[in-house]
C-alpha atoms as a PDB file:
ATOM      1  CA  MET A   1      15.850  -2.059 -15.369  1.00  0.00           C
ATOM      2  CA  SER A   2      17.525  -2.074 -11.531  1.00  0.00           C
ATOM      3  CA  ALA A   3      15.741  -3.745  -8.091  1.00  0.00           C
ATOM      4  CA  PHE A   4      15.500   0.108  -6.670  1.00  0.00           C
ATOM      5  CA  SER A   5      14.164   1.314 -10.292  1.00  0.00           C
ATOM      6  CA  ALA A   6      11.601  -1.374 -10.557  1.00  0.00           C
ATOM      7  CA  GLU A   7      10.381  -0.414  -6.695  1.00  0.00           C
ATOM      8  CA  ILE A   8       9.969   2.955  -7.537  1.00  0.00           C
ATOM      9  CA  LEU A   9       8.144   2.612 -10.532  1.00  0.00           C
ATOM     10  CA  GLY A  10       6.168  -0.455  -9.450  1.00  0.00           C
ATOM     11  CA  THR A  11       5.434   1.763  -6.148  1.00  0.00           C
ATOM     12  CA  MET A  12       4.533   4.717  -8.045  1.00  0.00           C
ATOM     13  CA  PHE A  13       1.667   3.328 -10.649  1.00  0.00           C
ATOM     14  CA  MET A  14       0.222   1.528  -7.576  1.00  0.00           C
ATOM     15  CA  ILE A  15      -0.217   4.824  -5.738  1.00  0.00           C
ATOM     16  CA  LEU A  16      -1.226   6.620  -8.663  1.00  0.00           C
ATOM     17  CA  LEU A  17      -4.111   4.121  -9.596  1.00  0.00           C
ATOM     18  CA  GLY A  18      -4.930   3.279  -5.819  1.00  0.00           C
ATOM     19  CA  ASN A  19      -4.946   7.313  -4.350  1.00  0.00           C
ATOM     20  CA  GLY A  20      -6.467   8.176  -7.774  1.00  0.00           C
ATOM     21  CA  VAL A  21      -9.491   6.134  -7.681  1.00  0.00           C
ATOM     22  CA  VAL A  22      -9.978   7.399  -3.855  1.00  0.00           C
ATOM     23  CA  ALA A  23      -9.553  11.073  -5.492  1.00  0.00           C
ATOM     24  CA  ASN A  24     -11.805   9.662  -8.590  1.00  0.00           C
ATOM     25  CA  VAL A  25     -15.070   8.346  -5.770  1.00  0.00           C
ATOM     26  CA  VAL A  26     -14.474  11.205  -3.130  1.00  0.00           C
ATOM     27  CA  LEU A  27     -13.656  14.570  -4.418  1.00  0.00           C
ATOM     28  CA  THR A  28     -16.821  16.715  -5.615  1.00  0.00           C
ATOM     29  CA  GLY A  29     -17.391  16.565  -9.478  1.00  0.00           C
ATOM     30  CA  THR A  30     -15.697  13.806 -10.667  1.00  0.00           C
ATOM     31  CA  LYS A  31     -17.465  11.376 -12.680  1.00  0.00           C
ATOM     32  CA  GLY A  32     -16.982   8.561 -10.009  1.00  0.00           C
ATOM     33  CA  ASN A  33     -18.116  10.589  -7.584  1.00  0.00           C
ATOM     34  CA  ASN A  34     -19.735   8.362  -4.881  1.00  0.00           C
ATOM     35  CA  GLY A  35     -18.696   5.473  -6.275  1.00  0.00           C
ATOM     36  CA  GLY A  36     -18.626   3.514  -3.056  1.00  0.00           C
ATOM     37  CA  TRP A  37     -16.279   1.126  -1.070  1.00  0.00           C
ATOM     38  CA  ILE A  38     -16.379  -1.498  -3.584  1.00  0.00           C
ATOM     39  CA  VAL A  39     -15.078   0.903  -6.321  1.00  0.00           C
ATOM     40  CA  ILE A  40     -12.261   1.727  -4.094  1.00  0.00           C
ATOM     41  CA  THR A  41     -11.159  -1.868  -2.770  1.00  0.00           C
ATOM     42  CA  THR A  42     -11.424  -3.218  -6.563  1.00  0.00           C
ATOM     43  CA  ALA A  43      -9.092  -0.248  -8.033  1.00  0.00           C
ATOM     44  CA  TRP A  44      -6.970  -0.324  -4.856  1.00  0.00           C
ATOM     45  CA  ALA A  45      -6.406  -4.407  -5.580  1.00  0.00           C
ATOM     46  CA  LEU A  46      -5.841  -3.627  -9.324  1.00  0.00           C
ATOM     47  CA  ALA A  47      -3.361  -0.608  -8.318  1.00  0.00           C
ATOM     48  CA  VAL A  48      -1.435  -3.618  -6.490  1.00  0.00           C
ATOM     49  CA  PHE A  49      -1.695  -5.967  -9.935  1.00  0.00           C
ATOM     50  CA  VAL A  50      -0.367  -3.017 -12.245  1.00  0.00           C
ATOM     51  CA  GLY A  51       2.360  -2.497  -9.950  1.00  0.00           C
ATOM     52  CA  VAL A  52       3.378  -6.168  -9.202  1.00  0.00           C
ATOM     53  CA  VAL A  53       3.725  -6.737 -13.188  1.00  0.00           C
ATOM     54  CA  ILE A  54       5.498  -3.583 -13.739  1.00  0.00           C
ATOM     55  CA  ALA A  55       8.478  -4.441 -10.888  1.00  0.00           C
ATOM     56  CA  GLY A  56       7.669  -8.115 -10.290  1.00  0.00           C
ATOM     57  CA  PRO A  57      10.634  -9.364 -12.863  1.00  0.00           C
ATOM     58  CA  TYR A  58      13.283  -6.816 -11.729  1.00  0.00           C
ATOM     59  CA  SER A  59      13.100  -6.634  -7.755  1.00  0.00           C
ATOM     60  CA  GLY A  60      10.337  -9.206  -6.835  1.00  0.00           C
ATOM     61  CA  ALA A  61       8.028  -6.316  -6.165  1.00  0.00           C
ATOM     62  CA  HIS A  62       7.479  -5.769  -2.915  1.00  0.00           C
ATOM     63  CA  LEU A  63       6.007  -2.242  -2.865  1.00  0.00           C
ATOM     64  CA  ASN A  64       5.906  -2.170   0.855  1.00  0.00           C
ATOM     65  CA  PRO A  65       8.010  -1.829   3.709  1.00  0.00           C
ATOM     66  CA  ALA A  66       5.942  -4.463   5.344  1.00  0.00           C
ATOM     67  CA  VAL A  67       6.763  -7.039   2.417  1.00  0.00           C
ATOM     68  CA  THR A  68      10.467  -6.597   2.724  1.00  0.00           C
ATOM     69  CA  ILE A  69      10.915  -6.760   6.386  1.00  0.00           C
ATOM     70  CA  GLY A  70       8.842  -9.861   6.598  1.00  0.00           C
ATOM     71  CA  LEU A  71      10.465 -11.523   4.017  1.00  0.00           C
ATOM     72  CA  ALA A  72      13.848 -10.542   5.066  1.00  0.00           C
ATOM     73  CA  ALA A  73      12.525 -11.774   8.920  1.00  0.00           C
ATOM     74  CA  ALA A  74      11.693 -15.078   7.212  1.00  0.00           C
ATOM     75  CA  GLY A  75      15.131 -15.382   5.892  1.00  0.00           C
ATOM     76  CA  LYS A  76      13.478 -15.053   2.017  1.00  0.00           C
ATOM     77  CA  PHE A  77      15.408 -11.688   1.675  1.00  0.00           C
ATOM     78  CA  SER A  78      18.537 -10.217   2.032  1.00  0.00           C
ATOM     79  CA  TRP A  79      18.627  -7.891   5.325  1.00  0.00           C
ATOM     80  CA  ALA A  80      21.735  -5.735   3.182  1.00  0.00           C
ATOM     81  CA  ASP A  81      19.072  -4.853   0.370  1.00  0.00           C
ATOM     82  CA  ALA A  82      16.110  -4.264   2.616  1.00  0.00           C
ATOM     83  CA  PRO A  83      17.196  -0.411   3.047  1.00  0.00           C
ATOM     84  CA  ALA A  84      17.371   0.540  -0.784  1.00  0.00           C
ATOM     85  CA  TYR A  85      14.060  -1.630  -1.140  1.00  0.00           C
ATOM     86  CA  ILE A  86      12.355   0.725   1.581  1.00  0.00           C
ATOM     87  CA  ALA A  87      13.611   4.228   0.305  1.00  0.00           C
ATOM     88  CA  ALA A  88      12.589   2.983  -3.321  1.00  0.00           C
ATOM     89  CA  GLN A  89       9.336   1.967  -2.188  1.00  0.00           C
ATOM     90  CA  PHE A  90       8.677   5.654  -0.061  1.00  0.00           C
ATOM     91  CA  ILE A  91      10.091   7.530  -3.366  1.00  0.00           C
ATOM     92  CA  GLY A  92       7.593   5.702  -5.484  1.00  0.00           C
ATOM     93  CA  ALA A  93       4.785   6.754  -2.934  1.00  0.00           C
ATOM     94  CA  MET A  94       5.614  10.036  -2.992  1.00  0.00           C
ATOM     95  CA  LEU A  95       5.802  10.440  -6.805  1.00  0.00           C
ATOM     96  CA  GLY A  96       2.591   8.545  -7.373  1.00  0.00           C
ATOM     97  CA  SER A  97       0.879  10.598  -4.786  1.00  0.00           C
ATOM     98  CA  PHE A  98       2.087  14.123  -6.572  1.00  0.00           C
ATOM     99  CA  LEU A  99       1.000  12.691  -9.755  1.00  0.00           C
ATOM    100  CA  VAL A 100      -2.678  12.099  -8.129  1.00  0.00           C
ATOM    101  CA  TRP A 101      -2.603  15.844  -6.756  1.00  0.00           C
ATOM    102  CA  LEU A 102      -1.612  16.793 -10.331  1.00  0.00           C
ATOM    103  CA  LEU A 103      -4.084  14.971 -12.036  1.00  0.00           C
ATOM    104  CA  PHE A 104      -6.900  16.205  -9.644  1.00  0.00           C
ATOM    105  CA  LYS A 105      -6.078  19.858  -9.170  1.00  0.00           C
ATOM    106  CA  ASP A 106      -9.292  21.331 -10.260  1.00  0.00           C
ATOM    107  CA  PHE A 107     -11.364  19.017  -8.105  1.00  0.00           C
ATOM    108  CA  TYR A 108      -9.297  19.791  -5.079  1.00  0.00           C
ATOM    109  CA  LYS A 109     -10.887  23.132  -5.628  1.00  0.00           C
ATOM    110  CA  GLY A 110     -14.121  22.273  -6.066  1.00  0.00           C
ATOM    111  CA  THR A 111     -14.292  20.279  -2.869  1.00  0.00           C
ATOM    112  CA  GLU A 112     -15.091  21.425   0.463  1.00  0.00           C
ATOM    113  CA  ASP A 113     -14.283  18.353   2.340  1.00  0.00           C
ATOM    114  CA  LYS A 114     -10.813  18.209   4.309  1.00  0.00           C
ATOM    115  CA  GLY A 115     -11.127  14.724   5.341  1.00  0.00           C
ATOM    116  CA  ALA A 116     -12.245  13.671   1.942  1.00  0.00           C
ATOM    117  CA  LYS A 117      -9.183  15.563   0.572  1.00  0.00           C
ATOM    118  CA  GLN A 118      -7.226  13.960   3.085  1.00  0.00           C
ATOM    119  CA  ALA A 119      -8.271  10.309   2.456  1.00  0.00           C
ATOM    120  CA  THR A 120      -6.723  11.031  -1.316  1.00  0.00           C
ATOM    121  CA  PHE A 121      -3.227  10.863   0.490  1.00  0.00           C
ATOM    122  CA  PHE A 122      -3.879   8.974   3.723  1.00  0.00           C
ATOM    123  CA  THR A 123      -5.837   6.676   5.733  1.00  0.00           C
ATOM    124  CA  ALA A 124      -7.431   7.610   8.852  1.00  0.00           C
ATOM    125  CA  PRO A 125      -9.949   5.510  11.485  1.00  0.00           C
ATOM    126  CA  ALA A 126     -13.548   5.082  11.148  1.00  0.00           C
ATOM    127  CA  ILE A 127     -13.683   5.215  14.874  1.00  0.00           C
ATOM    128  CA  PRO A 128     -10.488   6.784  16.416  1.00  0.00           C
ATOM    129  CA  ASN A 129      -8.973   3.788  18.996  1.00  0.00           C
ATOM    130  CA  THR A 130      -4.905   3.921  19.381  1.00  0.00           C
ATOM    131  CA  VAL A 131      -5.486   0.274  20.349  1.00  0.00           C
ATOM    132  CA  SER A 132      -8.148  -1.018  18.044  1.00  0.00           C
ATOM    133  CA  ASN A 133      -6.621   1.135  15.391  1.00  0.00           C
ATOM    134  CA  LEU A 134      -3.018  -0.480  16.183  1.00  0.00           C
ATOM    135  CA  ILE A 135      -4.856  -3.991  16.074  1.00  0.00           C
ATOM    136  CA  SER A 136      -6.551  -3.370  12.291  1.00  0.00           C
ATOM    137  CA  GLU A 137      -3.498  -2.722  10.793  1.00  0.00           C
ATOM    138  CA  ILE A 138      -1.594  -5.548  12.494  1.00  0.00           C
ATOM    139  CA  ILE A 139      -4.176  -8.181  11.532  1.00  0.00           C
ATOM    140  CA  GLY A 140      -4.603  -6.920   7.942  1.00  0.00           C
ATOM    141  CA  THR A 141      -0.913  -6.866   6.946  1.00  0.00           C
ATOM    142  CA  PHE A 142      -0.225 -10.440   9.099  1.00  0.00           C
ATOM    143  CA  VAL A 143      -2.837 -11.660   6.598  1.00  0.00           C
ATOM    144  CA  LEU A 144      -0.933 -10.148   4.021  1.00  0.00           C
ATOM    145  CA  ILE A 145       2.238 -11.224   4.338  1.00  0.00           C
ATOM    146  CA  PHE A 146       1.402 -14.733   5.920  1.00  0.00           C
ATOM    147  CA  VAL A 147       0.097 -15.699   2.713  1.00  0.00           C
ATOM    148  CA  ILE A 148       2.426 -13.812   0.535  1.00  0.00           C
ATOM    149  CA  PHE A 149       4.981 -16.425   2.194  1.00  0.00           C
ATOM    150  CA  HIS A 150       3.132 -19.038   0.769  1.00  0.00           C
ATOM    151  CA  PHE A 151       3.093 -17.373  -2.929  1.00  0.00           C
ATOM    152  CA  THR A 152       6.711 -16.933  -2.390  1.00  0.00           C
ATOM    153  CA  ASP A 153       7.741 -20.865  -1.512  1.00  0.00           C
ATOM    154  CA  ALA A 154      10.078 -22.440  -3.882  1.00  0.00           C
ATOM    155  CA  SER A 155       7.676 -24.265  -5.927  1.00  0.00           C
ATOM    156  CA  PHE A 156       5.753 -21.571  -7.044  1.00  0.00           C
ATOM    157  CA  GLY A 157       8.791 -20.048  -9.075  1.00  0.00           C
ATOM    158  CA  SER A 158      12.118 -17.729  -9.686  1.00  0.00           C
ATOM    159  CA  ASP A 159      13.383 -15.972  -6.789  1.00  0.00           C
ATOM    160  CA  LYS A 160      13.327 -12.671  -8.853  1.00  0.00           C
ATOM    161  CA  SER A 161       9.495 -13.068  -9.824  1.00  0.00           C
ATOM    162  CA  PRO A 162       7.805 -14.845  -6.862  1.00  0.00           C
ATOM    163  CA  ILE A 163       5.146 -16.480  -8.398  1.00  0.00           C
ATOM    164  CA  GLY A 164       6.673 -17.498 -11.603  1.00  0.00           C
ATOM    165  CA  LEU A 165       3.488 -17.032 -13.754  1.00  0.00           C
ATOM    166  CA  GLY A 166       4.439 -13.640 -15.347  1.00  0.00           C
ATOM    167  CA  SER A 167       2.205 -11.344 -15.210  1.00  0.00           C
ATOM    168  CA  VAL A 168      -0.757 -14.015 -14.481  1.00  0.00           C
ATOM    169  CA  GLY A 169       1.417 -14.396 -11.329  1.00  0.00           C
ATOM    170  CA  ALA A 170       0.045 -10.849 -10.006  1.00  0.00           C
ATOM    171  CA  LEU A 171      -3.374 -11.875  -9.768  1.00  0.00           C
ATOM    172  CA  PRO A 172      -3.021 -14.089  -6.396  1.00  0.00           C
ATOM    173  CA  VAL A 173      -1.767 -10.727  -4.786  1.00  0.00           C
ATOM    174  CA  THR A 174      -4.070  -8.926  -6.444  1.00  0.00           C
ATOM    175  CA  PHE A 175      -6.947 -11.044  -4.988  1.00  0.00           C
ATOM    176  CA  LEU A 176      -5.435 -10.825  -1.320  1.00  0.00           C
ATOM    177  CA  VAL A 177      -5.392  -7.177  -1.313  1.00  0.00           C
ATOM    178  CA  TRP A 178      -8.719  -6.932  -2.318  1.00  0.00           C
ATOM    179  CA  VAL A 179     -10.167  -9.812   0.014  1.00  0.00           C
ATOM    180  CA  ILE A 180      -8.300  -7.790   2.824  1.00  0.00           C
ATOM    181  CA  GLY A 181      -9.916  -4.504   2.024  1.00  0.00           C
ATOM    182  CA  LEU A 182     -13.310  -5.724   1.399  1.00  0.00           C
ATOM    183  CA  SER A 183     -12.925  -7.617   4.929  1.00  0.00           C
ATOM    184  CA  LEU A 184     -11.130  -5.825   7.182  1.00  0.00           C
ATOM    185  CA  GLY A 185     -10.537  -2.627   5.310  1.00  0.00           C
ATOM    186  CA  GLY A 186     -13.452  -0.449   7.309  1.00  0.00           C
ATOM    187  CA  THR A 187     -11.625   0.210  10.274  1.00  0.00           C
ATOM    188  CA  THR A 188      -8.795   2.433   9.128  1.00  0.00           C
ATOM    189  CA  GLY A 189      -8.731   2.578   5.293  1.00  0.00           C
ATOM    190  CA  TYR A 190      -6.164  -0.716   5.599  1.00  0.00           C
ATOM    191  CA  ALA A 191      -3.099   1.000   5.112  1.00  0.00           C
ATOM    192  CA  ILE A 192      -0.971  -2.070   5.461  1.00  0.00           C
ATOM    193  CA  ASN A 193       1.821  -0.510   4.107  1.00  0.00           C
ATOM    194  CA  PRO A 194       3.870   2.249   5.855  1.00  0.00           C
ATOM    195  CA  ALA A 195       5.356   3.570   2.282  1.00  0.00           C
ATOM    196  CA  ARG A 196       1.388   4.151   0.696  1.00  0.00           C
ATOM    197  CA  ASP A 197       0.396   6.217   4.198  1.00  0.00           C
ATOM    198  CA  LEU A 198       3.595   7.887   5.178  1.00  0.00           C
ATOM    199  CA  GLY A 199       4.844   8.630   1.794  1.00  0.00           C
ATOM    200  CA  PRO A 200       1.518  10.586   0.493  1.00  0.00           C
ATOM    201  CA  ARG A 201       1.066  12.162   3.839  1.00  0.00           C
ATOM    202  CA  ILE A 202       4.404  13.789   3.485  1.00  0.00           C
ATOM    203  CA  MET A 203       3.667  14.990   0.205  1.00  0.00           C
ATOM    204  CA  HIS A 204       0.099  16.193   1.586  1.00  0.00           C
ATOM    205  CA  ALA A 205       1.904  18.277   3.821  1.00  0.00           C
ATOM    206  CA  ILE A 206       4.390  19.680   1.500  1.00  0.00           C
ATOM    207  CA  LEU A 207       1.961  20.071  -1.715  1.00  0.00           C
ATOM    208  CA  PRO A 208      -0.128  23.444  -1.979  1.00  0.00           C
ATOM    209  CA  VAL A 209      -3.437  21.500  -1.866  1.00  0.00           C
ATOM    210  CA  ALA A 210      -6.192  23.673  -2.076  1.00  0.00           C
ATOM    211  CA  GLY A 211      -8.551  24.589   1.110  1.00  0.00           C
ATOM    212  CA  LYS A 212      -6.585  21.422   2.717  1.00  0.00           C
ATOM    213  CA  GLY A 213      -6.719  20.652   6.516  1.00  0.00           C
ATOM    214  CA  GLY A 214      -3.910  19.057   8.874  1.00  0.00           C
ATOM    215  CA  ASN A 215      -1.994  16.123   8.357  1.00  0.00           C
ATOM    216  CA  ASN A 216      -3.316  13.903  11.605  1.00  0.00           C
ATOM    217  CA  TRP A 217       0.537  13.370  12.706  1.00  0.00           C
ATOM    218  CA  SER A 218      -0.870  12.070  15.884  1.00  0.00           C
ATOM    219  CA  TYR A 219      -2.024   9.063  13.775  1.00  0.00           C
ATOM    220  CA  ALA A 220       0.471   8.582  11.428  1.00  0.00           C
ATOM    221  CA  TRP A 221       2.696   6.045  13.338  1.00  0.00           C
ATOM    222  CA  ILE A 222      -0.194   3.436  13.759  1.00  0.00           C
ATOM    223  CA  PRO A 223      -0.352   3.049   9.523  1.00  0.00           C
ATOM    224  CA  VAL A 224       3.647   2.433   9.935  1.00  0.00           C
ATOM    225  CA  ILE A 225       4.069   0.424  13.251  1.00  0.00           C
ATOM    226  CA  GLY A 226       0.909  -1.873  12.623  1.00  0.00           C
ATOM    227  CA  PRO A 227       2.094  -3.225   9.513  1.00  0.00           C
ATOM    228  CA  ILE A 228       5.559  -3.568  10.604  1.00  0.00           C
ATOM    229  CA  VAL A 229       4.560  -5.410  13.875  1.00  0.00           C
ATOM    230  CA  GLY A 230       1.925  -7.395  11.484  1.00  0.00           C
ATOM    231  CA  SER A 231       4.463  -8.299   8.819  1.00  0.00           C
ATOM    232  CA  VAL A 232       6.980 -10.111  11.975  1.00  0.00           C
ATOM    233  CA  LEU A 233       4.431 -11.824  13.367  1.00  0.00           C
ATOM    234  CA  ALA A 234       3.479 -13.314   9.990  1.00  0.00           C
ATOM    235  CA  ALA A 235       7.226 -14.353   9.350  1.00  0.00           C
ATOM    236  CA  LEU A 236       7.516 -15.877  13.271  1.00  0.00           C
ATOM    237  CA  LEU A 237       4.230 -18.061  12.412  1.00  0.00           C
ATOM    238  CA  TYR A 238       5.412 -18.787   9.091  1.00  0.00           C
ATOM    239  CA  PHE A 239       9.064 -19.809  10.195  1.00  0.00           C
ATOM    240  CA  CYS A 240       7.388 -22.344  13.104  1.00  0.00           C
ATOM    241  CA  ILE A 241       4.913 -23.706  10.645  1.00  0.00           C
ATOM    242  CA  LYS A 242       8.182 -24.682   8.426  1.00  0.00           C
ATOM    243  CA  ILE A 243       9.949 -26.102  11.114  1.00  0.00           C
END
């Protein structure tokens, strides 16, 4: 499998399972309805595990433009390959979001809360505040990328599979995403991934979701710019401490 295909498939599975758990918890009538934040953060972490297992051997399993940009900024990944990786991640995120909609079509019809429907596609802040929301996404992504740098040190394994332990190697990233969600995710829904938020947001605008509301485009730049800034700051700090 090519790296491009791997990033598409890995991201698609991650979004299918990640946004799928949100749909299972917030949409009316599902067996998981009102499962709560612990269920969402746990399943999202496991969704990342699945995506990394699928894509890891072929692409290194970035699954996130912030990861790609951060690794490139730190000199751990070629800038020339970054556009293809990012394009694949957006394609995968959109495909995964489409599958979530297809799976839960009946439950979208039975759900009156437009905000709940939006949450199955994209993130939104608990308290709208541009500066605070941006800082939240920057810090969450900073933690993600800075720790991933340590996973990808040469001592951990091969160039393609960052941790070099096969499927077990995905567990550190799983726990990392889990703790970010549990600790920092309640402010904005911890997008920490431009493709994860913008790709499904575009699909929400395109798909005939029953009774859907708007797409909150005025907020959409925050889960894109915030993660990019956070990833670059993480790369700068990592570069400084490695000198």
